[in-house]
Amino acid sequence: MHHPILPLSRILTLAGYAILFITLLLGIVLKKIHSELPEGFLIIIWIVPLLFPLRGLLQAKRYTHAWGSFLACWYLVVGVDLWQANPAISATVLMSTTIWFTGMVLFARFSPFDWKVIPRPRSK
């Protein structure tokens, strides 16, 4: 039986992830974030790591939600870093990362185990 918080955790996870991805991508492309740095460099250090958990998040993999919450800590640092340059984008990054993190932790905590258990041979 599934926990009733699972649908909410999925919505939080995917919404927070999408908002974070779009905010960072638009901020980089529109030169609102660190315009003195090359776009390619910012995409490599901020967008590419976001792509690693995408497949597991879309497939609702419990393990991906668990390790993805550690990745969210990096984006909290990014949000704090952006505060001086652009508080509006920084606030969006911080809020979306918090929503993403909360959704992943809730899903990892309340989703059923999906590991295959190998039965032990019976002793005689």
PDB file of N, CA and C in Angstrom:
ATOM      1  N   MET A   1       0.839  -1.184   0.000  1.00  0.00           N
ATOM      2  CA  MET A   1       0.000   0.000   0.000  1.00  0.00           C
ATOM      3  C   MET A   1       0.887   1.252   0.000  1.00  0.00           C
ATOM      4  N   HIS A   2       0.517   2.209  -0.797  1.00  0.00           N
ATOM      5  CA  HIS A   2       1.308   3.422  -0.919  1.00  0.00           C
ATOM      6  C   HIS A   2       0.879   4.447   0.117  1.00  0.00           C
ATOM      7  N   HIS A   3       1.841   5.236   0.535  1.00  0.00           N
ATOM      8  CA  HIS A   3       1.579   6.293   1.498  1.00  0.00           C
ATOM      9  C   HIS A   3       0.855   7.436   0.781  1.00  0.00           C
ATOM     10  N   PRO A   4      -0.094   8.104   1.447  1.00  0.00           N
ATOM     11  CA  PRO A   4      -0.853   9.166   0.772  1.00  0.00           C
ATOM     12  C   PRO A   4      -0.025  10.403   0.405  1.00  0.00           C
ATOM     13  N   ILE A   5       1.171  10.534   0.954  1.00  0.00           N
ATOM     14  CA  ILE A   5       1.988  11.709   0.645  1.00  0.00           C
ATOM     15  C   ILE A   5       2.771  11.550  -0.659  1.00  0.00           C
ATOM     16  N   LEU A   6       2.795  10.345  -1.222  1.00  0.00           N
ATOM     17  CA  LEU A   6       3.592  10.099  -2.431  1.00  0.00           C
ATOM     18  C   LEU A   6       3.187  10.964  -3.630  1.00  0.00           C
ATOM     19  N   PRO A   7       1.901  11.121  -3.941  1.00  0.00           N
ATOM     20  CA  PRO A   7       1.570  11.993  -5.081  1.00  0.00           C
ATOM     21  C   PRO A   7       2.033  13.438  -4.871  1.00  0.00           C
ATOM     22  N   LEU A   8       1.891  13.941  -3.648  1.00  0.00           N
ATOM     23  CA  LEU A   8       2.350  15.298  -3.359  1.00  0.00           C
ATOM     24  C   LEU A   8       3.865  15.398  -3.497  1.00  0.00           C
ATOM     25  N   SER A   9       4.572  14.385  -3.026  1.00  0.00           N
ATOM     26  CA  SER A   9       6.038  14.419  -3.123  1.00  0.00           C
ATOM     27  C   SER A   9       6.493  14.386  -4.579  1.00  0.00           C
ATOM     28  N   ARG A  10       5.792  13.650  -5.422  1.00  0.00           N
ATOM     29  CA  ARG A  10       6.136  13.622  -6.857  1.00  0.00           C
ATOM     30  C   ARG A  10       5.911  14.991  -7.491  1.00  0.00           C
ATOM     31  N   ILE A  11       4.793  15.636  -7.151  1.00  0.00           N
ATOM     32  CA  ILE A  11       4.502  16.963  -7.696  1.00  0.00           C
ATOM     33  C   ILE A  11       5.557  17.966  -7.240  1.00  0.00           C
ATOM     34  N   LEU A  12       5.893  17.942  -5.954  1.00  0.00           N
ATOM     35  CA  LEU A  12       6.914  18.854  -5.433  1.00  0.00           C
ATOM     36  C   LEU A  12       8.257  18.624  -6.116  1.00  0.00           C
ATOM     37  N   THR A  13       8.629  17.368  -6.258  1.00  0.00           N
ATOM     38  CA  THR A  13       9.918  17.043  -6.871  1.00  0.00           C
ATOM     39  C   THR A  13       9.990  17.544  -8.307  1.00  0.00           C
ATOM     40  N   LEU A  14       9.008  17.192  -9.106  1.00  0.00           N
ATOM     41  CA  LEU A  14       9.055  17.548 -10.526  1.00  0.00           C
ATOM     42  C   LEU A  14       8.865  19.045 -10.752  1.00  0.00           C
ATOM     43  N   ALA A  15       8.002  19.680  -9.960  1.00  0.00           N
ATOM     44  CA  ALA A  15       7.798  21.124 -10.107  1.00  0.00           C
ATOM     45  C   ALA A  15       9.047  21.894  -9.697  1.00  0.00           C
ATOM     46  N   GLY A  16       9.618  21.545  -8.560  1.00  0.00           N
ATOM     47  CA  GLY A  16      10.837  22.219  -8.110  1.00  0.00           C
ATOM     48  C   GLY A  16      11.980  22.036  -9.088  1.00  0.00           C
ATOM     49  N   TYR A  17      12.119  20.821  -9.600  1.00  0.00           N
ATOM     50  CA  TYR A  17      13.175  20.523 -10.578  1.00  0.00           C
ATOM     51  C   TYR A  17      12.979  21.358 -11.848  1.00  0.00           C
ATOM     52  N   ALA A  18      11.763  21.373 -12.371  1.00  0.00           N
ATOM     53  CA  ALA A  18      11.488  22.099 -13.617  1.00  0.00           C
ATOM     54  C   ALA A  18      11.709  23.600 -13.449  1.00  0.00           C
ATOM     55  N   ILE A  19      11.237  24.159 -12.344  1.00  0.00           N
ATOM     56  CA  ILE A  19      11.413  25.597 -12.113  1.00  0.00           C
ATOM     57  C   ILE A  19      12.894  25.938 -11.981  1.00  0.00           C
ATOM     58  N   LEU A  20      13.636  25.109 -11.260  1.00  0.00           N
ATOM     59  CA  LEU A  20      15.076  25.341 -11.100  1.00  0.00           C
ATOM     60  C   LEU A  20      15.785  25.268 -12.452  1.00  0.00           C
ATOM     61  N   PHE A  21      15.483  24.246 -13.231  1.00  0.00           N
ATOM     62  CA  PHE A  21      16.115  24.061 -14.539  1.00  0.00           C
ATOM     63  C   PHE A  21      15.837  25.253 -15.452  1.00  0.00           C
ATOM     64  N   ILE A  22      14.577  25.648 -15.542  1.00  0.00           N
ATOM     65  CA  ILE A  22      14.189  26.753 -16.426  1.00  0.00           C
ATOM     66  C   ILE A  22      14.790  28.070 -15.952  1.00  0.00           C
ATOM     67  N   THR A  23      14.768  28.314 -14.642  1.00  0.00           N
ATOM     68  CA  THR A  23      15.323  29.558 -14.105  1.00  0.00           C
ATOM     69  C   THR A  23      16.809  29.684 -14.408  1.00  0.00           C
ATOM     70  N   LEU A  24      17.555  28.616 -14.151  1.00  0.00           N
ATOM     71  CA  LEU A  24      18.995  28.675 -14.413  1.00  0.00           C
ATOM     72  C   LEU A  24      19.287  28.800 -15.907  1.00  0.00           C
ATOM     73  N   LEU A  25      18.581  28.036 -16.720  1.00  0.00           N
ATOM     74  CA  LEU A  25      18.824  28.088 -18.163  1.00  0.00           C
ATOM     75  C   LEU A  25      18.511  29.470 -18.736  1.00  0.00           C
ATOM     76  N   LEU A  26      17.360  30.027 -18.371  1.00  0.00           N
ATOM     77  CA  LEU A  26      17.013  31.364 -18.867  1.00  0.00           C
ATOM     78  C   LEU A  26      17.951  32.428 -18.314  1.00  0.00           C
ATOM     79  N   GLY A  27      18.331  32.298 -17.057  1.00  0.00           N
ATOM     80  CA  GLY A  27      19.266  33.260 -16.471  1.00  0.00           C
ATOM     81  C   GLY A  27      20.607  33.264 -17.178  1.00  0.00           C
ATOM     82  N   ILE A  28      21.060  32.088 -17.580  1.00  0.00           N
ATOM     83  CA  ILE A  28      22.345  31.992 -18.293  1.00  0.00           C
ATOM     84  C   ILE A  28      22.210  32.530 -19.716  1.00  0.00           C
ATOM     85  N   VAL A  29      21.175  32.096 -20.424  1.00  0.00           N
ATOM     86  CA  VAL A  29      21.000  32.491 -21.831  1.00  0.00           C
ATOM     87  C   VAL A  29      20.722  33.991 -21.960  1.00  0.00           C
ATOM     88  N   LEU A  30      19.941  34.549 -21.039  1.00  0.00           N
ATOM     89  CA  LEU A  30      19.611  35.974 -21.098  1.00  0.00           C
ATOM     90  C   LEU A  30      20.657  36.857 -20.423  1.00  0.00           C
ATOM     91  N   LYS A  31      21.762  36.246 -20.000  1.00  0.00           N
ATOM     92  CA  LYS A  31      22.893  36.963 -19.379  1.00  0.00           C
ATOM     93  C   LYS A  31      22.490  37.701 -18.098  1.00  0.00           C
ATOM     94  N   LYS A  32      21.580  37.129 -17.328  1.00  0.00           N
ATOM     95  CA  LYS A  32      21.187  37.707 -16.043  1.00  0.00           C
ATOM     96  C   LYS A  32      22.028  37.150 -14.901  1.00  0.00           C
ATOM     97  N   ILE A  33      22.734  36.043 -15.162  1.00  0.00           N
ATOM     98  CA  ILE A  33      23.552  35.387 -14.141  1.00  0.00           C
ATOM     99  C   ILE A  33      25.001  35.413 -14.608  1.00  0.00           C
ATOM    100  N   HIS A  34      25.870  36.018 -13.827  1.00  0.00           N
ATOM    101  CA  HIS A  34      27.310  36.038 -14.109  1.00  0.00           C
ATOM    102  C   HIS A  34      27.591  36.273 -15.593  1.00  0.00           C
ATOM    103  N   SER A  35      27.178  37.428 -16.084  1.00  0.00           N
ATOM    104  CA  SER A  35      27.337  37.730 -17.512  1.00  0.00           C
ATOM    105  C   SER A  35      28.805  37.821 -17.932  1.00  0.00           C
ATOM    106  N   GLU A  36      29.715  37.960 -16.957  1.00  0.00           N
ATOM    107  CA  GLU A  36      31.140  38.044 -17.300  1.00  0.00           C
ATOM    108  C   GLU A  36      31.753  36.679 -17.613  1.00  0.00           C
ATOM    109  N   LEU A  37      31.062  35.607 -17.260  1.00  0.00           N
ATOM    110  CA  LEU A  37      31.560  34.251 -17.519  1.00  0.00           C
ATOM    111  C   LEU A  37      30.966  33.700 -18.817  1.00  0.00           C
ATOM    112  N   PRO A  38      31.683  32.817 -19.502  1.00  0.00           N
ATOM    113  CA  PRO A  38      31.146  32.226 -20.739  1.00  0.00           C
ATOM    114  C   PRO A  38      29.906  31.368 -20.460  1.00  0.00           C
ATOM    115  N   GLU A  39      28.944  31.447 -21.375  1.00  0.00           N
ATOM    116  CA  GLU A  39      27.706  30.670 -21.216  1.00  0.00           C
ATOM    117  C   GLU A  39      27.986  29.176 -21.139  1.00  0.00           C
ATOM    118  N   GLY A  40      28.887  28.689 -21.962  1.00  0.00           N
ATOM    119  CA  GLY A  40      29.208  27.262 -21.975  1.00  0.00           C
ATOM    120  C   GLY A  40      29.716  26.772 -20.630  1.00  0.00           C
ATOM    121  N   PHE A  41      30.540  27.573 -19.988  1.00  0.00           N
ATOM    122  CA  PHE A  41      31.068  27.210 -18.673  1.00  0.00           C
ATOM    123  C   PHE A  41      29.942  27.111 -17.647  1.00  0.00           C
ATOM    124  N   LEU A  42      29.048  28.099 -17.644  1.00  0.00           N
ATOM    125  CA  LEU A  42      27.934  28.083 -16.687  1.00  0.00           C
ATOM    126  C   LEU A  42      26.988  26.915 -16.953  1.00  0.00           C
ATOM    127  N   ILE A  43      26.767  26.614 -18.212  1.00  0.00           N
ATOM    128  CA  ILE A  43      25.906  25.473 -18.540  1.00  0.00           C
ATOM    129  C   ILE A  43      26.539  24.176 -18.051  1.00  0.00           C
ATOM    130  N   ILE A  44      27.854  24.055 -18.212  1.00  0.00           N
ATOM    131  CA  ILE A  44      28.530  22.833 -17.766  1.00  0.00           C
ATOM    132  C   ILE A  44      28.461  22.680 -16.250  1.00  0.00           C
ATOM    133  N   ILE A  45      28.676  23.765 -15.505  1.00  0.00           N
ATOM    134  CA  ILE A  45      28.718  23.596 -14.049  1.00  0.00           C
ATOM    135  C   ILE A  45      27.349  23.680 -13.382  1.00  0.00           C
ATOM    136  N   TRP A  46      26.335  24.257 -14.062  1.00  0.00           N
ATOM    137  CA  TRP A  46      25.030  24.405 -13.412  1.00  0.00           C
ATOM    138  C   TRP A  46      23.917  23.592 -14.060  1.00  0.00           C
ATOM    139  N   ILE A  47      23.936  23.418 -15.361  1.00  0.00           N
ATOM    140  CA  ILE A  47      22.841  22.716 -16.039  1.00  0.00           C
ATOM    141  C   ILE A  47      23.133  21.226 -16.191  1.00  0.00           C
ATOM    142  N   VAL A  48      24.341  20.870 -16.588  1.00  0.00           N
ATOM    143  CA  VAL A  48      24.677  19.454 -16.811  1.00  0.00           C
ATOM    144  C   VAL A  48      24.459  18.599 -15.561  1.00  0.00           C
ATOM    145  N   PRO A  49      24.874  19.040 -14.357  1.00  0.00           N
ATOM    146  CA  PRO A  49      24.589  18.202 -13.180  1.00  0.00           C
ATOM    147  C   PRO A  49      23.097  17.978 -12.932  1.00  0.00           C
ATOM    148  N   LEU A  50      22.265  18.914 -13.378  1.00  0.00           N
ATOM    149  CA  LEU A  50      20.816  18.730 -13.229  1.00  0.00           C
ATOM    150  C   LEU A  50      20.281  17.615 -14.127  1.00  0.00           C
ATOM    151  N   LEU A  51      21.001  17.294 -15.181  1.00  0.00           N
ATOM    152  CA  LEU A  51      20.541  16.254 -16.100  1.00  0.00           C
ATOM    153  C   LEU A  51      20.791  14.844 -15.568  1.00  0.00           C
ATOM    154  N   PHE A  52      21.744  14.682 -14.650  1.00  0.00           N
ATOM    155  CA  PHE A  52      22.071  13.345 -14.138  1.00  0.00           C
ATOM    156  C   PHE A  52      20.875  12.634 -13.502  1.00  0.00           C
ATOM    157  N   PRO A  53      20.095  13.278 -12.629  1.00  0.00           N
ATOM    158  CA  PRO A  53      18.985  12.548 -12.008  1.00  0.00           C
ATOM    159  C   PRO A  53      17.680  12.574 -12.807  1.00  0.00           C
ATOM    160  N   LEU A  54      17.656  13.204 -13.956  1.00  0.00           N
ATOM    161  CA  LEU A  54      16.394  13.404 -14.678  1.00  0.00           C
ATOM    162  C   LEU A  54      15.661  12.104 -14.978  1.00  0.00           C
ATOM    163  N   ARG A  55      16.355  11.127 -15.520  1.00  0.00           N
ATOM    164  CA  ARG A  55      15.692   9.866 -15.891  1.00  0.00           C
ATOM    165  C   ARG A  55      15.082   9.170 -14.668  1.00  0.00           C
ATOM    166  N   GLY A  56      15.846   9.095 -13.591  1.00  0.00           N
ATOM    167  CA  GLY A  56      15.351   8.442 -12.384  1.00  0.00           C
ATOM    168  C   GLY A  56      14.201   9.195 -11.735  1.00  0.00           C
ATOM    169  N   LEU A  57      14.230  10.530 -11.819  1.00  0.00           N
ATOM    170  CA  LEU A  57      13.129  11.312 -11.263  1.00  0.00           C
ATOM    171  C   LEU A  57      11.850  11.094 -12.061  1.00  0.00           C
ATOM    172  N   LEU A  58      11.981  11.064 -13.383  1.00  0.00           N
ATOM    173  CA  LEU A  58      10.800  10.850 -14.220  1.00  0.00           C
ATOM    174  C   LEU A  58      10.232   9.447 -14.060  1.00  0.00           C
ATOM    175  N   GLN A  59      11.094   8.467 -13.785  1.00  0.00           N
ATOM    176  CA  GLN A  59      10.642   7.089 -13.600  1.00  0.00           C
ATOM    177  C   GLN A  59      10.314   6.768 -12.143  1.00  0.00           C
ATOM    178  N   ALA A  60      10.363   7.761 -11.276  1.00  0.00           N
ATOM    179  CA  ALA A  60      10.036   7.612  -9.850  1.00  0.00           C
ATOM    180  C   ALA A  60      10.896   6.550  -9.173  1.00  0.00           C
ATOM    181  N   LYS A  61      12.196   6.629  -9.402  1.00  0.00           N
ATOM    182  CA  LYS A  61      13.130   5.697  -8.771  1.00  0.00           C
ATOM    183  C   LYS A  61      13.471   6.213  -7.370  1.00  0.00           C
ATOM    184  N   ARG A  62      13.288   5.361  -6.410  1.00  0.00           N
ATOM    185  CA  ARG A  62      13.516   5.737  -5.012  1.00  0.00           C
ATOM    186  C   ARG A  62      14.971   6.124  -4.770  1.00  0.00           C
ATOM    187  N   TYR A  63      15.884   5.343  -5.297  1.00  0.00           N
ATOM    188  CA  TYR A  63      17.303   5.589  -5.071  1.00  0.00           C
ATOM    189  C   TYR A  63      17.741   6.924  -5.679  1.00  0.00           C
ATOM    190  N   THR A  64      17.211   7.278  -6.842  1.00  0.00           N
ATOM    191  CA  THR A  64      17.549   8.556  -7.470  1.00  0.00           C
ATOM    192  C   THR A  64      17.078   9.717  -6.617  1.00  0.00           C
ATOM    193  N   HIS A  65      15.898   9.587  -6.033  1.00  0.00           N
ATOM    194  CA  HIS A  65      15.405  10.636  -5.146  1.00  0.00           C
ATOM    195  C   HIS A  65      16.305  10.780  -3.923  1.00  0.00           C
ATOM    196  N   ALA A  66      16.843   9.670  -3.455  1.00  0.00           N
ATOM    197  CA  ALA A  66      17.706   9.717  -2.275  1.00  0.00           C
ATOM    198  C   ALA A  66      19.022  10.442  -2.576  1.00  0.00           C
ATOM    199  N   TRP A  67      19.719  10.052  -3.648  1.00  0.00           N
ATOM    200  CA  TRP A  67      20.993  10.716  -3.916  1.00  0.00           C
ATOM    201  C   TRP A  67      20.798  12.085  -4.561  1.00  0.00           C
ATOM    202  N   GLY A  68      19.662  12.292  -5.194  1.00  0.00           N
ATOM    203  CA  GLY A  68      19.384  13.606  -5.775  1.00  0.00           C
ATOM    204  C   GLY A  68      19.239  14.692  -4.726  1.00  0.00           C
ATOM    205  N   SER A  69      18.836  14.297  -3.520  1.00  0.00           N
ATOM    206  CA  SER A  69      18.718  15.291  -2.453  1.00  0.00           C
ATOM    207  C   SER A  69      20.090  15.857  -2.086  1.00  0.00           C
ATOM    208  N   PHE A  70      21.148  15.070  -2.257  1.00  0.00           N
ATOM    209  CA  PHE A  70      22.494  15.595  -2.027  1.00  0.00           C
ATOM    210  C   PHE A  70      22.880  16.589  -3.123  1.00  0.00           C
ATOM    211  N   LEU A  71      22.445  16.317  -4.337  1.00  0.00           N
ATOM    212  CA  LEU A  71      22.715  17.235  -5.441  1.00  0.00           C
ATOM    213  C   LEU A  71      22.021  18.578  -5.207  1.00  0.00           C
ATOM    214  N   ALA A  72      20.858  18.548  -4.586  1.00  0.00           N
ATOM    215  CA  ALA A  72      20.126  19.784  -4.320  1.00  0.00           C
ATOM    216  C   ALA A  72      20.918  20.719  -3.408  1.00  0.00           C
ATOM    217  N   CYS A  73      21.762  20.164  -2.563  1.00  0.00           N
ATOM    218  CA  CYS A  73      22.589  21.006  -1.686  1.00  0.00           C
ATOM    219  C   CYS A  73      23.509  21.910  -2.505  1.00  0.00           C
ATOM    220  N   TRP A  74      24.010  21.410  -3.636  1.00  0.00           N
ATOM    221  CA  TRP A  74      24.847  22.218  -4.521  1.00  0.00           C
ATOM    222  C   TRP A  74      24.064  23.432  -5.035  1.00  0.00           C
ATOM    223  N   TYR A  75      22.795  23.241  -5.347  1.00  0.00           N
ATOM    224  CA  TYR A  75      22.000  24.338  -5.887  1.00  0.00           C
ATOM    225  C   TYR A  75      21.568  25.323  -4.805  1.00  0.00           C
ATOM    226  N   LEU A  76      21.570  24.905  -3.553  1.00  0.00           N
ATOM    227  CA  LEU A  76      21.392  25.867  -2.464  1.00  0.00           C
ATOM    228  C   LEU A  76      22.604  26.796  -2.401  1.00  0.00           C
ATOM    229  N   VAL A  77      23.784  26.242  -2.601  1.00  0.00           N
ATOM    230  CA  VAL A  77      25.005  27.057  -2.642  1.00  0.00           C
ATOM    231  C   VAL A  77      24.953  28.012  -3.837  1.00  0.00           C
ATOM    232  N   VAL A  78      24.489  27.526  -4.974  1.00  0.00           N
ATOM    233  CA  VAL A  78      24.357  28.377  -6.166  1.00  0.00           C
ATOM    234  C   VAL A  78      23.402  29.532  -5.882  1.00  0.00           C
ATOM    235  N   GLY A  79      22.277  29.246  -5.238  1.00  0.00           N
ATOM    236  CA  GLY A  79      21.313  30.295  -4.913  1.00  0.00           C
ATOM    237  C   GLY A  79      21.886  31.353  -3.991  1.00  0.00           C
ATOM    238  N   VAL A  80      22.648  30.929  -3.005  1.00  0.00           N
ATOM    239  CA  VAL A  80      23.291  31.885  -2.099  1.00  0.00           C
ATOM    240  C   VAL A  80      24.346  32.700  -2.855  1.00  0.00           C
ATOM    241  N   ASP A  81      25.069  32.063  -3.753  1.00  0.00           N
ATOM    242  CA  ASP A  81      26.081  32.754  -4.553  1.00  0.00           C
ATOM    243  C   ASP A  81      25.455  33.838  -5.431  1.00  0.00           C
ATOM    244  N   LEU A  82      24.280  33.588  -5.940  1.00  0.00           N
ATOM    245  CA  LEU A  82      23.627  34.543  -6.843  1.00  0.00           C
ATOM    246  C   LEU A  82      22.980  35.717  -6.113  1.00  0.00           C
ATOM    247  N   TRP A  83      22.877  35.643  -4.802  1.00  0.00           N
ATOM    248  CA  TRP A  83      22.128  36.651  -4.048  1.00  0.00           C
ATOM    249  C   TRP A  83      22.665  38.059  -4.292  1.00  0.00           C
ATOM    250  N   GLN A  84      23.968  38.236  -4.299  1.00  0.00           N
ATOM    251  CA  GLN A  84      24.572  39.557  -4.477  1.00  0.00           C
ATOM    252  C   GLN A  84      24.261  40.127  -5.862  1.00  0.00           C
ATOM    253  N   ALA A  85      24.357  39.295  -6.885  1.00  0.00           N
ATOM    254  CA  ALA A  85      24.207  39.771  -8.258  1.00  0.00           C
ATOM    255  C   ALA A  85      22.753  39.990  -8.659  1.00  0.00           C
ATOM    256  N   ASN A  86      21.879  39.072  -8.285  1.00  0.00           N
ATOM    257  CA  ASN A  86      20.491  39.157  -8.727  1.00  0.00           C
ATOM    258  C   ASN A  86      19.582  38.502  -7.690  1.00  0.00           C
ATOM    259  N   PRO A  87      19.073  39.279  -6.733  1.00  0.00           N
ATOM    260  CA  PRO A  87      18.259  38.691  -5.663  1.00  0.00           C
ATOM    261  C   PRO A  87      16.979  38.009  -6.150  1.00  0.00           C
ATOM    262  N   ALA A  88      16.390  38.485  -7.236  1.00  0.00           N
ATOM    263  CA  ALA A  88      15.147  37.872  -7.724  1.00  0.00           C
ATOM    264  C   ALA A  88      15.408  36.461  -8.244  1.00  0.00           C
ATOM    265  N   ILE A  89      16.426  36.308  -9.059  1.00  0.00           N
ATOM    266  CA  ILE A  89      16.763  34.976  -9.570  1.00  0.00           C
ATOM    267  C   ILE A  89      17.234  34.088  -8.430  1.00  0.00           C
ATOM    268  N   SER A  90      17.999  34.662  -7.517  1.00  0.00           N
ATOM    269  CA  SER A  90      18.484  33.895  -6.373  1.00  0.00           C
ATOM    270  C   SER A  90      17.332  33.369  -5.526  1.00  0.00           C
ATOM    271  N   ALA A  91      16.340  34.208  -5.274  1.00  0.00           N
ATOM    272  CA  ALA A  91      15.184  33.770  -4.480  1.00  0.00           C
ATOM    273  C   ALA A  91      14.440  32.645  -5.190  1.00  0.00           C
ATOM    274  N   THR A  92      14.303  32.754  -6.509  1.00  0.00           N
ATOM    275  CA  THR A  92      13.641  31.695  -7.274  1.00  0.00           C
ATOM    276  C   THR A  92      14.436  30.399  -7.208  1.00  0.00           C
ATOM    277  N   VAL A  93      15.753  30.492  -7.335  1.00  0.00           N
ATOM    278  CA  VAL A  93      16.607  29.302  -7.255  1.00  0.00           C
ATOM    279  C   VAL A  93      16.510  28.678  -5.864  1.00  0.00           C
ATOM    280  N   LEU A  94      16.576  29.496  -4.830  1.00  0.00           N
ATOM    281  CA  LEU A  94      16.508  28.968  -3.462  1.00  0.00           C
ATOM    282  C   LEU A  94      15.156  28.315  -3.166  1.00  0.00           C
ATOM    283  N   MET A  95      14.063  28.965  -3.591  1.00  0.00           N
ATOM    284  CA  MET A  95      12.735  28.389  -3.327  1.00  0.00           C
ATOM    285  C   MET A  95      12.508  27.117  -4.135  1.00  0.00           C
ATOM    286  N   SER A  96      12.887  27.120  -5.406  1.00  0.00           N
ATOM    287  CA  SER A  96      12.672  25.921  -6.220  1.00  0.00           C
ATOM    288  C   SER A  96      13.556  24.771  -5.747  1.00  0.00           C
ATOM    289  N   THR A  97      14.768  25.073  -5.311  1.00  0.00           N
ATOM    290  CA  THR A  97      15.641  24.024  -4.781  1.00  0.00           C
ATOM    291  C   THR A  97      15.079  23.454  -3.489  1.00  0.00           C
ATOM    292  N   THR A  98      14.531  24.310  -2.644  1.00  0.00           N
ATOM    293  CA  THR A  98      13.923  23.838  -1.394  1.00  0.00           C
ATOM    294  C   THR A  98      12.716  22.952  -1.678  1.00  0.00           C
ATOM    295  N   ILE A  99      11.899  23.337  -2.650  1.00  0.00           N
ATOM    296  CA  ILE A  99      10.738  22.520  -3.031  1.00  0.00           C
ATOM    297  C   ILE A  99      11.205  21.183  -3.603  1.00  0.00           C
ATOM    298  N   TRP A 100      12.198  21.219  -4.476  1.00  0.00           N
ATOM    299  CA  TRP A 100      12.753  20.006  -5.083  1.00  0.00           C
ATOM    300  C   TRP A 100      13.320  19.084  -4.016  1.00  0.00           C
ATOM    301  N   PHE A 101      14.103  19.641  -3.109  1.00  0.00           N
ATOM    302  CA  PHE A 101      14.713  18.866  -2.029  1.00  0.00           C
ATOM    303  C   PHE A 101      13.643  18.229  -1.141  1.00  0.00           C
ATOM    304  N   THR A 102      12.648  19.007  -0.751  1.00  0.00           N
ATOM    305  CA  THR A 102      11.578  18.492   0.110  1.00  0.00           C
ATOM    306  C   THR A 102      10.833  17.350  -0.567  1.00  0.00           C
ATOM    307  N   GLY A 103      10.501  17.519  -1.840  1.00  0.00           N
ATOM    308  CA  GLY A 103       9.812  16.461  -2.569  1.00  0.00           C
ATOM    309  C   GLY A 103      10.630  15.187  -2.665  1.00  0.00           C
ATOM    310  N   MET A 104      11.930  15.325  -2.918  1.00  0.00           N
ATOM    311  CA  MET A 104      12.779  14.131  -3.030  1.00  0.00           C
ATOM    312  C   MET A 104      12.917  13.408  -1.701  1.00  0.00           C
ATOM    313  N   VAL A 105      13.092  14.161  -0.621  1.00  0.00           N
ATOM    314  CA  VAL A 105      13.232  13.529   0.693  1.00  0.00           C
ATOM    315  C   VAL A 105      11.940  12.817   1.082  1.00  0.00           C
ATOM    316  N   LEU A 106      10.797  13.458   0.843  1.00  0.00           N
ATOM    317  CA  LEU A 106       9.517  12.815   1.163  1.00  0.00           C
ATOM    318  C   LEU A 106       9.313  11.551   0.337  1.00  0.00           C
ATOM    319  N   PHE A 107       9.647  11.613  -0.943  1.00  0.00           N
ATOM    320  CA  PHE A 107       9.474  10.432  -1.786  1.00  0.00           C
ATOM    321  C   PHE A 107      10.403   9.306  -1.354  1.00  0.00           C
ATOM    322  N   ALA A 108      11.660   9.642  -1.078  1.00  0.00           N
ATOM    323  CA  ALA A 108      12.618   8.613  -0.656  1.00  0.00           C
ATOM    324  C   ALA A 108      12.206   7.995   0.676  1.00  0.00           C
ATOM    325  N   ARG A 109      11.606   8.778   1.539  1.00  0.00           N
ATOM    326  CA  ARG A 109      11.218   8.275   2.858  1.00  0.00           C
ATOM    327  C   ARG A 109       9.962   7.406   2.799  1.00  0.00           C
ATOM    328  N   PHE A 110       8.969   7.813   2.044  1.00  0.00           N
ATOM    329  CA  PHE A 110       7.672   7.148   2.104  1.00  0.00           C
ATOM    330  C   PHE A 110       7.373   6.206   0.941  1.00  0.00           C
ATOM    331  N   SER A 111       8.236   6.129  -0.055  1.00  0.00           N
ATOM    332  CA  SER A 111       7.973   5.196  -1.149  1.00  0.00           C
ATOM    333  C   SER A 111       8.335   3.784  -0.709  1.00  0.00           C
ATOM    334  N   PRO A 112       7.657   2.797  -1.273  1.00  0.00           N
ATOM    335  CA  PRO A 112       7.971   1.413  -0.890  1.00  0.00           C
ATOM    336  C   PRO A 112       9.332   1.007  -1.448  1.00  0.00           C
ATOM    337  N   PHE A 113       9.966   0.070  -0.774  1.00  0.00           N
ATOM    338  CA  PHE A 113      11.256  -0.426  -1.246  1.00  0.00           C
ATOM    339  C   PHE A 113      11.066  -1.111  -2.590  1.00  0.00           C
ATOM    340  N   ASP A 114      11.958  -0.825  -3.526  1.00  0.00           N
ATOM    341  CA  ASP A 114      11.876  -1.474  -4.831  1.00  0.00           C
ATOM    342  C   ASP A 114      13.075  -2.380  -5.076  1.00  0.00           C
ATOM    343  N   TRP A 115      13.797  -2.703  -4.021  1.00  0.00           N
ATOM    344  CA  TRP A 115      14.938  -3.594  -4.162  1.00  0.00           C
ATOM    345  C   TRP A 115      14.455  -5.022  -4.217  1.00  0.00           C
ATOM    346  N   LYS A 116      15.104  -5.817  -5.033  1.00  0.00           N
ATOM    347  CA  LYS A 116      14.741  -7.226  -5.139  1.00  0.00           C
ATOM    348  C   LYS A 116      15.454  -7.988  -4.029  1.00  0.00           C
ATOM    349  N   VAL A 117      14.690  -8.716  -3.281  1.00  0.00           N
ATOM    350  CA  VAL A 117      15.253  -9.485  -2.181  1.00  0.00           C
ATOM    351  C   VAL A 117      15.526 -10.895  -2.679  1.00  0.00           C
ATOM    352  N   ILE A 118      16.748 -11.324  -2.497  1.00  0.00           N
ATOM    353  CA  ILE A 118      17.121 -12.678  -2.903  1.00  0.00           C
ATOM    354  C   ILE A 118      16.801 -13.613  -1.740  1.00  0.00           C
ATOM    355  N   PRO A 119      15.932 -14.583  -1.969  1.00  0.00           N
ATOM    356  CA  PRO A 119      15.570 -15.474  -0.858  1.00  0.00           C
ATOM    357  C   PRO A 119      16.749 -16.344  -0.440  1.00  0.00           C
ATOM    358  N   ARG A 120      16.873 -16.518   0.854  1.00  0.00           N
ATOM    359  CA  ARG A 120      17.930 -17.385   1.383  1.00  0.00           C
ATOM    360  C   ARG A 120      17.485 -18.834   1.283  1.00  0.00           C
ATOM    361  N   PRO A 121      18.426 -19.720   1.000  1.00  0.00           N
ATOM    362  CA  PRO A 121      18.058 -21.145   0.958  1.00  0.00           C
ATOM    363  C   PRO A 121      17.697 -21.631   2.364  1.00  0.00           C
ATOM    364  N   ARG A 122      16.721 -22.489   2.402  1.00  0.00           N
ATOM    365  CA  ARG A 122      16.283 -23.029   3.695  1.00  0.00           C
ATOM    366  C   ARG A 122      17.288 -24.053   4.200  1.00  0.00           C
ATOM    367  N   SER A 123      17.532 -23.991   5.482  1.00  0.00           N
ATOM    368  CA  SER A 123      18.433 -24.989   6.072  1.00  0.00           C
ATOM    369  C   SER A 123      17.641 -26.237   6.431  1.00  0.00           C
ATOM    370  N   LYS A 124      18.295 -27.376   6.344  1.00  0.00           N
ATOM    371  CA  LYS A 124      17.604 -28.641   6.609  1.00  0.00           C
ATOM    372  C   LYS A 124      17.761 -29.080   8.028  1.00  0.00           C
TER     373      LYS A 124
END
